[in-house]
């Protein structure tokens, strides 16, 4: 599904929902985005990169007291670097990336305070959500003072028949947004909140790292010296840490098949956001005036 079709899909869903909705809520998001993958500091799945700024906006329509449908746009960036790795092998791998990240999603939010009414006495709403998203990314790395787009290069031999003929990954992907949050009611119309929102993806290439190195010397011949040097930066690390080494020094780590990443574990990213919300609903269901008989 292309981004334009996905946007049309979201608008269609929101238009259908507006037929039964009793109001519109608009929220502004500001916080940090984190990357989880092969270039995170630790090898476990809960290892996060350094956070980078993210912001966004959403429009929500209630389908019922406890259920809301939301269209959301988020924009920020993610990064990862082996400089922060806690193991020598990862430090020596010496890879890094930074990527802009734009996400469009439609989610269904379930407000637990409607299911657990005792929470309401504190003026608090708890919610969880899930849905579907389309996001765009573009991993880049810094090389000799210049930021270089990695996907067109095929650093793991993508697009080269000799290296397996694996196609280059798509920079637009579908994901599953997840989230849980808390809202505090400042007034009948305004809320202040915080949410943690991991994103499940179906790609292992947010960082341009997934499988094994191809043969360095052959990659130089087929794809060029710059591609080979960006694919395998171990020699660069070793020269930086041992000034006696020269450009012509033979490195056994250029052998093909050496592990570069883990193709069995897709990448994730995660948002943590502070949220300011405003309701344009004149009469929310829970705020409807009581009628005395």
Foldseek 3Di string as FASTA:
>chain_A
DDPVVVVVVLVVVVVVLVVQFQFKKKKKKKFWKWKAAFQFQEPDRPGTADTWIKIWMKMWTDNDQFKIKMKIKMWIKYKGFLCNHPDVVSVLQGAIKIKIKIKIWIKMKGWCCVVVVVVCVQQKIKIKMKGKMKMFMWIWDADPNDTDTQQVQPLQCACPVVSPNHHGDDRIFMKMKIKIKMWHDPDPFKIKMKMKIKIGTDAQCNNDWAWWHAQLVVCCVVRNNVSSCNSGVSVVSVCVVPVVDDPPDDDPSNHTPHTGGHNVDHMMMMTIIIMMMGIPRPADPVRDDDDDD
